């Protein structure tokens, strides 16, 4: 599985969430490997979030402009929200924090 990260303000991540959901529907045999999470970050302006995505392969990562590929170990386990969870393993991997 490949992980990547990008910072967004407010809901600017929306088009990428749609893209990831489309990829999940187009690849039902890999559906459990598509993940999108958000984590609040400290910033001078409110509303900034780190967005983490998980995809099954390099081809699926194409079109996610501005996302930086990261090691799985760099993906935090505490998240504000899960936007796309392909399988039950995601709920075991991540802990949702209080807002």
PDB file of N, CA and C in Angstrom:
ATOM      1  N   UNK A   1       0.847  -1.181   0.000  1.00  0.00           N
ATOM      2  CA  UNK A   1       0.000   0.000   0.000  1.00  0.00           C
ATOM      3  C   UNK A   1       0.886   1.237   0.000  1.00  0.00           C
ATOM      4  N   UNK A   2       0.464   2.250  -0.704  1.00  0.00           N
ATOM      5  CA  UNK A   2       1.205   3.500  -0.821  1.00  0.00           C
ATOM      6  C   UNK A   2       0.457   4.587  -0.051  1.00  0.00           C
ATOM      7  N   UNK A   3       1.195   5.366   0.725  1.00  0.00           N
ATOM      8  CA  UNK A   3       0.622   6.453   1.504  1.00  0.00           C
ATOM      9  C   UNK A   3       1.153   7.784   1.006  1.00  0.00           C
ATOM     10  N   UNK A   4       0.312   8.821   1.059  1.00  0.00           N
ATOM     11  CA  UNK A   4       0.713  10.165   0.665  1.00  0.00           C
ATOM     12  C   UNK A   4      -0.020  11.176   1.543  1.00  0.00           C
ATOM     13  N   UNK A   5       0.531  12.390   1.593  1.00  0.00           N
ATOM     14  CA  UNK A   5       0.008  13.423   2.498  1.00  0.00           C
ATOM     15  C   UNK A   5       0.015  14.779   1.797  1.00  0.00           C
ATOM     16  N   UNK A   6      -0.994  15.580   2.136  1.00  0.00           N
ATOM     17  CA  UNK A   6      -1.047  16.962   1.660  1.00  0.00           C
ATOM     18  C   UNK A   6      -1.847  17.779   2.673  1.00  0.00           C
ATOM     19  N   UNK A   7      -1.525  19.052   2.809  1.00  0.00           N
ATOM     20  CA  UNK A   7      -2.231  19.946   3.735  1.00  0.00           C
ATOM     21  C   UNK A   7      -3.284  20.742   2.968  1.00  0.00           C
ATOM     22  N   UNK A   8      -4.483  20.814   3.555  1.00  0.00           N
ATOM     23  CA  UNK A   8      -5.595  21.563   2.969  1.00  0.00           C
ATOM     24  C   UNK A   8      -6.214  22.480   4.006  1.00  0.00           C
ATOM     25  N   UNK A   9      -6.857  23.529   3.530  1.00  0.00           N
ATOM     26  CA  UNK A   9      -7.638  24.377   4.414  1.00  0.00           C
ATOM     27  C   UNK A   9      -9.115  24.107   4.156  1.00  0.00           C
ATOM     28  N   UNK A  10      -9.859  24.013   5.248  1.00  0.00           N
ATOM     29  CA  UNK A  10     -11.299  23.761   5.210  1.00  0.00           C
ATOM     30  C   UNK A  10     -11.592  22.523   4.370  1.00  0.00           C
ATOM     31  N   UNK A  11     -12.484  22.619   3.387  1.00  0.00           N
ATOM     32  CA  UNK A  11     -12.854  21.428   2.611  1.00  0.00           C
ATOM     33  C   UNK A  11     -12.259  21.429   1.203  1.00  0.00           C
ATOM     34  N   UNK A  12     -11.097  22.023   1.033  1.00  0.00           N
ATOM     35  CA  UNK A  12     -10.439  22.058  -0.279  1.00  0.00           C
ATOM     36  C   UNK A  12     -10.022  20.673  -0.770  1.00  0.00           C
ATOM     37  N   UNK A  13     -10.065  19.690   0.095  1.00  0.00           N
ATOM     38  CA  UNK A  13      -9.718  18.324  -0.275  1.00  0.00           C
ATOM     39  C   UNK A  13     -10.817  17.631  -1.078  1.00  0.00           C
ATOM     40  N   UNK A  14     -11.986  18.250  -1.186  1.00  0.00           N
ATOM     41  CA  UNK A  14     -13.156  17.632  -1.804  1.00  0.00           C
ATOM     42  C   UNK A  14     -12.934  16.959  -3.149  1.00  0.00           C
ATOM     43  N   UNK A  15     -12.306  17.631  -4.122  1.00  0.00           N
ATOM     44  CA  UNK A  15     -12.096  16.984  -5.419  1.00  0.00           C
ATOM     45  C   UNK A  15     -11.241  15.711  -5.317  1.00  0.00           C
ATOM     46  N   UNK A  16     -10.327  15.679  -4.362  1.00  0.00           N
ATOM     47  CA  UNK A  16      -9.486  14.497  -4.197  1.00  0.00           C
ATOM     48  C   UNK A  16     -10.254  13.363  -3.519  1.00  0.00           C
ATOM     49  N   UNK A  17     -11.175  13.722  -2.655  1.00  0.00           N
ATOM     50  CA  UNK A  17     -12.039  12.703  -2.050  1.00  0.00           C
ATOM     51  C   UNK A  17     -12.900  12.062  -3.130  1.00  0.00           C
ATOM     52  N   UNK A  18     -13.444  12.882  -4.026  1.00  0.00           N
ATOM     53  CA  UNK A  18     -14.245  12.355  -5.134  1.00  0.00           C
ATOM     54  C   UNK A  18     -13.407  11.445  -6.026  1.00  0.00           C
ATOM     55  N   UNK A  19     -12.191  11.864  -6.328  1.00  0.00           N
ATOM     56  CA  UNK A  19     -11.293  11.073  -7.178  1.00  0.00           C
ATOM     57  C   UNK A  19     -10.992   9.724  -6.531  1.00  0.00           C
ATOM     58  N   UNK A  20     -10.722   9.733  -5.239  1.00  0.00           N
ATOM     59  CA  UNK A  20     -10.414   8.495  -4.539  1.00  0.00           C
ATOM     60  C   UNK A  20     -11.625   7.559  -4.518  1.00  0.00           C
ATOM     61  N   UNK A  21     -12.808   8.107  -4.301  1.00  0.00           N
ATOM     62  CA  UNK A  21     -14.030   7.300  -4.300  1.00  0.00           C
ATOM     63  C   UNK A  21     -14.275   6.696  -5.685  1.00  0.00           C
ATOM     64  N   UNK A  22     -14.013   7.476  -6.730  1.00  0.00           N
ATOM     65  CA  UNK A  22     -14.153   6.955  -8.098  1.00  0.00           C
ATOM     66  C   UNK A  22     -13.185   5.799  -8.337  1.00  0.00           C
ATOM     67  N   UNK A  23     -11.951   5.958  -7.898  1.00  0.00           N
ATOM     68  CA  UNK A  23     -10.966   4.887  -8.059  1.00  0.00           C
ATOM     69  C   UNK A  23     -11.388   3.630  -7.308  1.00  0.00           C
ATOM     70  N   UNK A  24     -11.961   3.824  -6.141  1.00  0.00           N
ATOM     71  CA  UNK A  24     -12.417   2.685  -5.353  1.00  0.00           C
ATOM     72  C   UNK A  24     -13.524   1.931  -6.100  1.00  0.00           C
ATOM     73  N   UNK A  25     -14.441   2.669  -6.699  1.00  0.00           N
ATOM     74  CA  UNK A  25     -15.535   2.042  -7.449  1.00  0.00           C
ATOM     75  C   UNK A  25     -15.027   1.351  -8.725  1.00  0.00           C
ATOM     76  N   UNK A  26     -14.004   1.933  -9.344  1.00  0.00           N
ATOM     77  CA  UNK A  26     -13.436   1.367 -10.570  1.00  0.00           C
ATOM     78  C   UNK A  26     -12.574   0.136 -10.307  1.00  0.00           C
ATOM     79  N   UNK A  27     -12.158  -0.049  -9.071  1.00  0.00           N
ATOM     80  CA  UNK A  27     -11.265  -1.154  -8.701  1.00  0.00           C
ATOM     81  C   UNK A  27     -11.825  -1.935  -7.521  1.00  0.00           C
ATOM     82  N   UNK A  28     -12.968  -2.605  -7.712  1.00  0.00           N
ATOM     83  CA  UNK A  28     -13.606  -3.280  -6.582  1.00  0.00           C
ATOM     84  C   UNK A  28     -12.731  -4.361  -5.938  1.00  0.00           C
ATOM     85  N   UNK A  29     -11.831  -4.958  -6.706  1.00  0.00           N
ATOM     86  CA  UNK A  29     -10.959  -5.986  -6.137  1.00  0.00           C
ATOM     87  C   UNK A  29      -9.896  -5.400  -5.209  1.00  0.00           C
ATOM     88  N   UNK A  30      -9.700  -4.079  -5.280  1.00  0.00           N
ATOM     89  CA  UNK A  30      -8.735  -3.390  -4.421  1.00  0.00           C
ATOM     90  C   UNK A  30      -9.418  -2.368  -3.508  1.00  0.00           C
ATOM     91  N   UNK A  31     -10.742  -2.431  -3.410  1.00  0.00           N
ATOM     92  CA  UNK A  31     -11.524  -1.407  -2.693  1.00  0.00           C
ATOM     93  C   UNK A  31     -11.053  -1.179  -1.260  1.00  0.00           C
ATOM     94  N   UNK A  32     -10.606  -2.237  -0.588  1.00  0.00           N
ATOM     95  CA  UNK A  32     -10.190  -2.092   0.810  1.00  0.00           C
ATOM     96  C   UNK A  32      -8.891  -1.326   0.966  1.00  0.00           C
ATOM     97  N   UNK A  33      -8.194  -1.070  -0.134  1.00  0.00           N
ATOM     98  CA  UNK A  33      -6.899  -0.404  -0.063  1.00  0.00           C
ATOM     99  C   UNK A  33      -6.980   1.099  -0.342  1.00  0.00           C
ATOM    100  N   UNK A  34      -8.189   1.637  -0.462  1.00  0.00           N
ATOM    101  CA  UNK A  34      -8.359   3.080  -0.675  1.00  0.00           C
ATOM    102  C   UNK A  34      -8.820   3.714   0.637  1.00  0.00           C
ATOM    103  N   UNK A  35      -8.028   4.664   1.126  1.00  0.00           N
ATOM    104  CA  UNK A  35      -8.291   5.276   2.428  1.00  0.00           C
ATOM    105  C   UNK A  35      -8.029   6.778   2.336  1.00  0.00           C
ATOM    106  N   UNK A  36      -8.837   7.566   3.056  1.00  0.00           N
ATOM    107  CA  UNK A  36      -8.592   9.005   3.170  1.00  0.00           C
ATOM    108  C   UNK A  36      -8.953   9.440   4.580  1.00  0.00           C
ATOM    109  N   UNK A  37      -8.008  10.109   5.232  1.00  0.00           N
ATOM    110  CA  UNK A  37      -8.212  10.572   6.607  1.00  0.00           C
ATOM    111  C   UNK A  37      -7.791  12.039   6.725  1.00  0.00           C
ATOM    112  N   UNK A  38      -8.287  12.687   7.770  1.00  0.00           N
ATOM    113  CA  UNK A  38      -7.903  14.068   8.071  1.00  0.00           C
ATOM    114  C   UNK A  38      -7.416  14.165   9.504  1.00  0.00           C
ATOM    115  N   UNK A  39      -6.437  15.046   9.689  1.00  0.00           N
ATOM    116  CA  UNK A  39      -5.924  15.312  11.034  1.00  0.00           C
ATOM    117  C   UNK A  39      -5.706  16.808  11.185  1.00  0.00           C
ATOM    118  N   UNK A  40      -6.273  17.390  12.223  1.00  0.00           N
ATOM    119  CA  UNK A  40      -6.125  18.828  12.497  1.00  0.00           C
ATOM    120  C   UNK A  40      -4.665  19.149  12.790  1.00  0.00           C
ATOM    121  N   UNK A  41      -4.219  20.313  12.322  1.00  0.00           N
ATOM    122  CA  UNK A  41      -2.854  20.764  12.593  1.00  0.00           C
ATOM    123  C   UNK A  41      -2.899  22.148  13.218  1.00  0.00           C
ATOM    124  N   UNK A  42      -1.886  22.467  13.988  1.00  0.00           N
ATOM    125  CA  UNK A  42      -1.762  23.812  14.550  1.00  0.00           C
ATOM    126  C   UNK A  42      -1.305  24.748  13.443  1.00  0.00           C
ATOM    127  N   UNK A  43      -2.042  25.817  13.241  1.00  0.00           N
ATOM    128  CA  UNK A  43      -1.695  26.802  12.216  1.00  0.00           C
ATOM    129  C   UNK A  43      -2.189  28.162  12.669  1.00  0.00           C
ATOM    130  N   UNK A  44      -1.623  29.215  12.084  1.00  0.00           N
ATOM    131  CA  UNK A  44      -2.025  30.570  12.468  1.00  0.00           C
ATOM    132  C   UNK A  44      -3.467  30.870  12.071  1.00  0.00           C
ATOM    133  N   UNK A  45      -3.957  30.213  11.029  1.00  0.00           N
ATOM    134  CA  UNK A  45      -5.348  30.362  10.614  1.00  0.00           C
ATOM    135  C   UNK A  45      -6.082  29.054  10.895  1.00  0.00           C
ATOM    136  N   UNK A  46      -7.321  29.115  11.332  1.00  0.00           N
ATOM    137  CA  UNK A  46      -8.063  27.884  11.621  1.00  0.00           C
ATOM    138  C   UNK A  46      -8.441  27.150  10.341  1.00  0.00           C
ATOM    139  N   UNK A  47      -8.740  25.873  10.487  1.00  0.00           N
ATOM    140  CA  UNK A  47      -9.271  25.101   9.377  1.00  0.00           C
ATOM    141  C   UNK A  47      -8.259  24.270   8.604  1.00  0.00           C
ATOM    142  N   UNK A  48      -7.002  24.301   8.996  1.00  0.00           N
ATOM    143  CA  UNK A  48      -5.992  23.521   8.286  1.00  0.00           C
ATOM    144  C   UNK A  48      -5.982  22.081   8.769  1.00  0.00           C
ATOM    145  N   UNK A  49      -5.867  21.163   7.809  1.00  0.00           N
ATOM    146  CA  UNK A  49      -5.836  19.732   8.099  1.00  0.00           C
ATOM    147  C   UNK A  49      -4.764  19.071   7.242  1.00  0.00           C
ATOM    148  N   UNK A  50      -4.128  18.067   7.807  1.00  0.00           N
ATOM    149  CA  UNK A  50      -3.301  17.176   7.012  1.00  0.00           C
ATOM    150  C   UNK A  50      -4.212  16.079   6.497  1.00  0.00           C
ATOM    151  N   UNK A  51      -4.148  15.847   5.216  1.00  0.00           N
ATOM    152  CA  UNK A  51      -4.950  14.816   4.570  1.00  0.00           C
ATOM    153  C   UNK A  51      -4.012  13.670   4.191  1.00  0.00           C
ATOM    154  N   UNK A  52      -4.353  12.476   4.622  1.00  0.00           N
ATOM    155  CA  UNK A  52      -3.569  11.284   4.311  1.00  0.00           C
ATOM    156  C   UNK A  52      -4.401  10.380   3.420  1.00  0.00           C
ATOM    157  N   UNK A  53      -3.787   9.885   2.357  1.00  0.00           N
ATOM    158  CA  UNK A  53      -4.481   8.927   1.509  1.00  0.00           C
ATOM    159  C   UNK A  53      -3.656   7.655   1.405  1.00  0.00           C
ATOM    160  N   UNK A  54      -4.341   6.545   1.278  1.00  0.00           N
ATOM    161  CA  UNK A  54      -3.722   5.258   1.032  1.00  0.00           C
ATOM    162  C   UNK A  54      -4.295   4.700  -0.250  1.00  0.00           C
ATOM    163  N   UNK A  55      -3.420   4.240  -1.130  1.00  0.00           N
ATOM    164  CA  UNK A  55      -3.828   3.663  -2.417  1.00  0.00           C
ATOM    165  C   UNK A  55      -3.031   2.379  -2.649  1.00  0.00           C
ATOM    166  N   UNK A  56      -3.541   1.498  -3.511  1.00  0.00           N
ATOM    167  CA  UNK A  56      -2.870   0.213  -3.696  1.00  0.00           C
ATOM    168  C   UNK A  56      -1.597   0.251  -4.547  1.00  0.00           C
ATOM    169  N   UNK A  57      -1.450   1.259  -5.428  1.00  0.00           N
ATOM    170  CA  UNK A  57      -0.306   1.244  -6.340  1.00  0.00           C
ATOM    171  C   UNK A  57       0.005   2.641  -6.870  1.00  0.00           C
ATOM    172  N   UNK A  58       1.139   2.754  -7.555  1.00  0.00           N
ATOM    173  CA  UNK A  58       1.577   4.047  -8.094  1.00  0.00           C
ATOM    174  C   UNK A  58       0.591   4.620  -9.104  1.00  0.00           C
ATOM    175  N   UNK A  59      -0.026   3.777  -9.890  1.00  0.00           N
ATOM    176  CA  UNK A  59      -0.987   4.244 -10.898  1.00  0.00           C
ATOM    177  C   UNK A  59      -2.151   4.963 -10.217  1.00  0.00           C
ATOM    178  N   UNK A  60      -2.610   4.440  -9.095  1.00  0.00           N
ATOM    179  CA  UNK A  60      -3.725   5.058  -8.369  1.00  0.00           C
ATOM    180  C   UNK A  60      -3.341   6.405  -7.775  1.00  0.00           C
ATOM    181  N   UNK A  61      -2.059   6.624  -7.548  1.00  0.00           N
ATOM    182  CA  UNK A  61      -1.592   7.880  -6.954  1.00  0.00           C
ATOM    183  C   UNK A  61      -1.517   9.012  -7.986  1.00  0.00           C
ATOM    184  N   UNK A  62      -1.524   8.657  -9.265  1.00  0.00           N
ATOM    185  CA  UNK A  62      -1.474   9.680 -10.315  1.00  0.00           C
ATOM    186  C   UNK A  62      -2.724  10.559 -10.224  1.00  0.00           C
ATOM    187  N   UNK A  63      -2.559  11.832 -10.458  1.00  0.00           N
ATOM    188  CA  UNK A  63      -3.686  12.752 -10.405  1.00  0.00           C
ATOM    189  C   UNK A  63      -3.910  13.374  -9.030  1.00  0.00           C
ATOM    190  N   UNK A  64      -3.115  12.983  -8.056  1.00  0.00           N
ATOM    191  CA  UNK A  64      -3.210  13.572  -6.728  1.00  0.00           C
ATOM    192  C   UNK A  64      -2.097  14.607  -6.576  1.00  0.00           C
ATOM    193  N   UNK A  65      -2.265  15.700  -7.303  1.00  0.00           N
ATOM    194  CA  UNK A  65      -1.263  16.769  -7.338  1.00  0.00           C
ATOM    195  C   UNK A  65      -0.997  17.325  -5.949  1.00  0.00           C
ATOM    196  N   UNK A  66       0.271  17.551  -5.664  1.00  0.00           N
ATOM    197  CA  UNK A  66       0.652  18.156  -4.396  1.00  0.00           C
ATOM    198  C   UNK A  66       0.787  17.181  -3.246  1.00  0.00           C
ATOM    199  N   UNK A  67       0.344  15.949  -3.410  1.00  0.00           N
ATOM    200  CA  UNK A  67       0.497  14.950  -2.357  1.00  0.00           C
ATOM    201  C   UNK A  67       1.924  14.428  -2.376  1.00  0.00           C
ATOM    202  N   UNK A  68       2.510  14.320  -1.194  1.00  0.00           N
ATOM    203  CA  UNK A  68       3.862  13.796  -1.053  1.00  0.00           C
ATOM    204  C   UNK A  68       3.795  12.370  -0.542  1.00  0.00           C
ATOM    205  N   UNK A  69       4.464  11.496  -1.224  1.00  0.00           N
ATOM    206  CA  UNK A  69       4.508  10.101  -0.809  1.00  0.00           C
ATOM    207  C   UNK A  69       5.269  10.008   0.522  1.00  0.00           C
ATOM    208  N   UNK A  70       4.735   9.214   1.455  1.00  0.00           N
ATOM    209  CA  UNK A  70       5.359   9.042   2.763  1.00  0.00           C
ATOM    210  C   UNK A  70       5.378   7.560   3.137  1.00  0.00           C
ATOM    211  N   UNK A  71       6.252   7.217   4.080  1.00  0.00           N
ATOM    212  CA  UNK A  71       6.294   5.852   4.599  1.00  0.00           C
ATOM    213  C   UNK A  71       5.076   5.612   5.487  1.00  0.00           C
ATOM    214  N   UNK A  72       4.637   4.378   5.548  1.00  0.00           N
ATOM    215  CA  UNK A  72       3.484   4.044   6.390  1.00  0.00           C
ATOM    216  C   UNK A  72       3.736   4.415   7.844  1.00  0.00           C
ATOM    217  N   UNK A  73       4.966   4.297   8.287  1.00  0.00           N
ATOM    218  CA  UNK A  73       5.299   4.634   9.678  1.00  0.00           C
ATOM    219  C   UNK A  73       5.075   6.117   9.981  1.00  0.00           C
ATOM    220  N   UNK A  74       5.059   6.970   8.950  1.00  0.00           N
ATOM    221  CA  UNK A  74       4.847   8.414   9.139  1.00  0.00           C
ATOM    222  C   UNK A  74       3.372   8.788   9.195  1.00  0.00           C
ATOM    223  N   UNK A  75       2.491   7.822   8.989  1.00  0.00           N
ATOM    224  CA  UNK A  75       1.046   8.086   9.042  1.00  0.00           C
ATOM    225  C   UNK A  75       0.589   7.935  10.494  1.00  0.00           C
ATOM    226  N   UNK A  76       0.118   9.028  11.113  1.00  0.00           N
ATOM    227  CA  UNK A  76      -0.322   8.945  12.515  1.00  0.00           C
ATOM    228  C   UNK A  76      -1.523   8.007  12.668  1.00  0.00           C
ATOM    229  N   UNK A  77      -1.685   7.485  13.861  1.00  0.00           N
ATOM    230  CA  UNK A  77      -2.842   6.624  14.118  1.00  0.00           C
ATOM    231  C   UNK A  77      -4.031   7.408  14.654  1.00  0.00           C
ATOM    232  N   UNK A  78      -3.785   8.613  15.211  1.00  0.00           N
ATOM    233  CA  UNK A  78      -4.893   9.427  15.725  1.00  0.00           C
ATOM    234  C   UNK A  78      -5.331  10.417  14.645  1.00  0.00           C
ATOM    235  N   UNK A  79      -6.586  10.318  14.273  1.00  0.00           N
ATOM    236  CA  UNK A  79      -7.138  11.138  13.194  1.00  0.00           C
ATOM    237  C   UNK A  79      -8.407  11.845  13.654  1.00  0.00           C
ATOM    238  N   UNK A  80      -8.680  12.964  13.018  1.00  0.00           N
ATOM    239  CA  UNK A  80      -9.905  13.706  13.313  1.00  0.00           C
ATOM    240  C   UNK A  80     -11.114  13.008  12.691  1.00  0.00           C
ATOM    241  N   UNK A  81     -10.927  12.538  11.461  1.00  0.00           N
ATOM    242  CA  UNK A  81     -12.028  11.877  10.773  1.00  0.00           C
ATOM    243  C   UNK A  81     -11.507  10.938   9.702  1.00  0.00           C
ATOM    244  N   UNK A  82     -12.305   9.933   9.383  1.00  0.00           N
ATOM    245  CA  UNK A  82     -12.040   9.047   8.256  1.00  0.00           C
ATOM    246  C   UNK A  82     -13.033   9.416   7.162  1.00  0.00           C
ATOM    247  N   UNK A  83     -12.532   9.844   6.021  1.00  0.00           N
ATOM    248  CA  UNK A  83     -13.404  10.258   4.922  1.00  0.00           C
ATOM    249  C   UNK A  83     -13.740   9.101   3.987  1.00  0.00           C
ATOM    250  N   UNK A  84     -12.805   8.176   3.855  1.00  0.00           N
ATOM    251  CA  UNK A  84     -13.019   7.009   3.002  1.00  0.00           C
ATOM    252  C   UNK A  84     -12.289   5.846   3.646  1.00  0.00           C
ATOM    253  N   UNK A  85     -13.024   4.833   4.021  1.00  0.00           N
ATOM    254  CA  UNK A  85     -12.438   3.660   4.669  1.00  0.00           C
ATOM    255  C   UNK A  85     -12.844   2.428   3.890  1.00  0.00           C
ATOM    256  N   UNK A  86     -11.897   1.843   3.196  1.00  0.00           N
ATOM    257  CA  UNK A  86     -12.197   0.718   2.318  1.00  0.00           C
ATOM    258  C   UNK A  86     -12.497  -0.591   3.017  1.00  0.00           C
ATOM    259  N   UNK A  87     -12.076  -0.742   4.233  1.00  0.00           N
ATOM    260  CA  UNK A  87     -12.318  -2.002   4.917  1.00  0.00           C
ATOM    261  C   UNK A  87     -12.275  -1.848   6.421  1.00  0.00           C
ATOM    262  N   UNK A  88     -12.674  -2.900   7.117  1.00  0.00           N
ATOM    263  CA  UNK A  88     -12.717  -2.883   8.569  1.00  0.00           C
ATOM    264  C   UNK A  88     -11.364  -2.659   9.215  1.00  0.00           C
ATOM    265  N   UNK A  89     -10.285  -3.034   8.528  1.00  0.00           N
ATOM    266  CA  UNK A  89      -8.942  -2.850   9.083  1.00  0.00           C
ATOM    267  C   UNK A  89      -8.661  -1.378   9.390  1.00  0.00           C
ATOM    268  N   UNK A  90      -9.281  -0.475   8.617  1.00  0.00           N
ATOM    269  CA  UNK A  90      -9.041   0.961   8.795  1.00  0.00           C
ATOM    270  C   UNK A  90      -9.499   1.404  10.176  1.00  0.00           C
ATOM    271  N   UNK A  91     -10.617   0.873  10.633  1.00  0.00           N
ATOM    272  CA  UNK A  91     -11.162   1.257  11.933  1.00  0.00           C
ATOM    273  C   UNK A  91     -10.295   0.729  13.070  1.00  0.00           C
ATOM    274  N   UNK A  92      -9.521  -0.309  12.796  1.00  0.00           N
ATOM    275  CA  UNK A  92      -8.589  -0.839  13.795  1.00  0.00           C
ATOM    276  C   UNK A  92      -7.271  -0.069  13.766  1.00  0.00           C
ATOM    277  N   UNK A  93      -6.882   0.396  12.604  1.00  0.00           N
ATOM    278  CA  UNK A  93      -5.597   1.109  12.426  1.00  0.00           C
ATOM    279  C   UNK A  93      -5.634   2.515  12.992  1.00  0.00           C
ATOM    280  N   UNK A  94      -6.791   3.203  12.849  1.00  0.00           N
ATOM    281  CA  UNK A  94      -6.894   4.604  13.240  1.00  0.00           C
ATOM    282  C   UNK A  94      -7.820   4.784  14.430  1.00  0.00           C
ATOM    283  N   UNK A  95      -7.442   5.733  15.283  1.00  0.00           N
ATOM    284  CA  UNK A  95      -8.260   6.115  16.429  1.00  0.00           C
ATOM    285  C   UNK A  95      -8.764   7.534  16.163  1.00  0.00           C
ATOM    286  N   UNK A  96     -10.059   7.738  16.270  1.00  0.00           N
ATOM    287  CA  UNK A  96     -10.626   9.057  16.077  1.00  0.00           C
ATOM    288  C   UNK A  96     -10.491   9.872  17.352  1.00  0.00           C
ATOM    289  N   UNK A  97     -10.026  11.115  17.186  1.00  0.00           N
ATOM    290  CA  UNK A  97      -9.835  11.992  18.337  1.00  0.00           C
ATOM    291  C   UNK A  97     -11.040  12.893  18.509  1.00  0.00           C
ATOM    292  N   UNK A  98     -11.171  13.449  19.679  1.00  0.00           N
ATOM    293  CA  UNK A  98     -12.240  14.398  19.956  1.00  0.00           C
ATOM    294  C   UNK A  98     -11.955  15.722  19.245  1.00  0.00           C
ATOM    295  N   UNK A  99     -12.991  16.409  18.735  1.00  0.00           N
ATOM    296  CA  UNK A  99     -12.765  17.694  18.057  1.00  0.00           C
ATOM    297  C   UNK A  99     -12.308  18.782  18.992  1.00  0.00           C
TER     298      UNK A  99
END
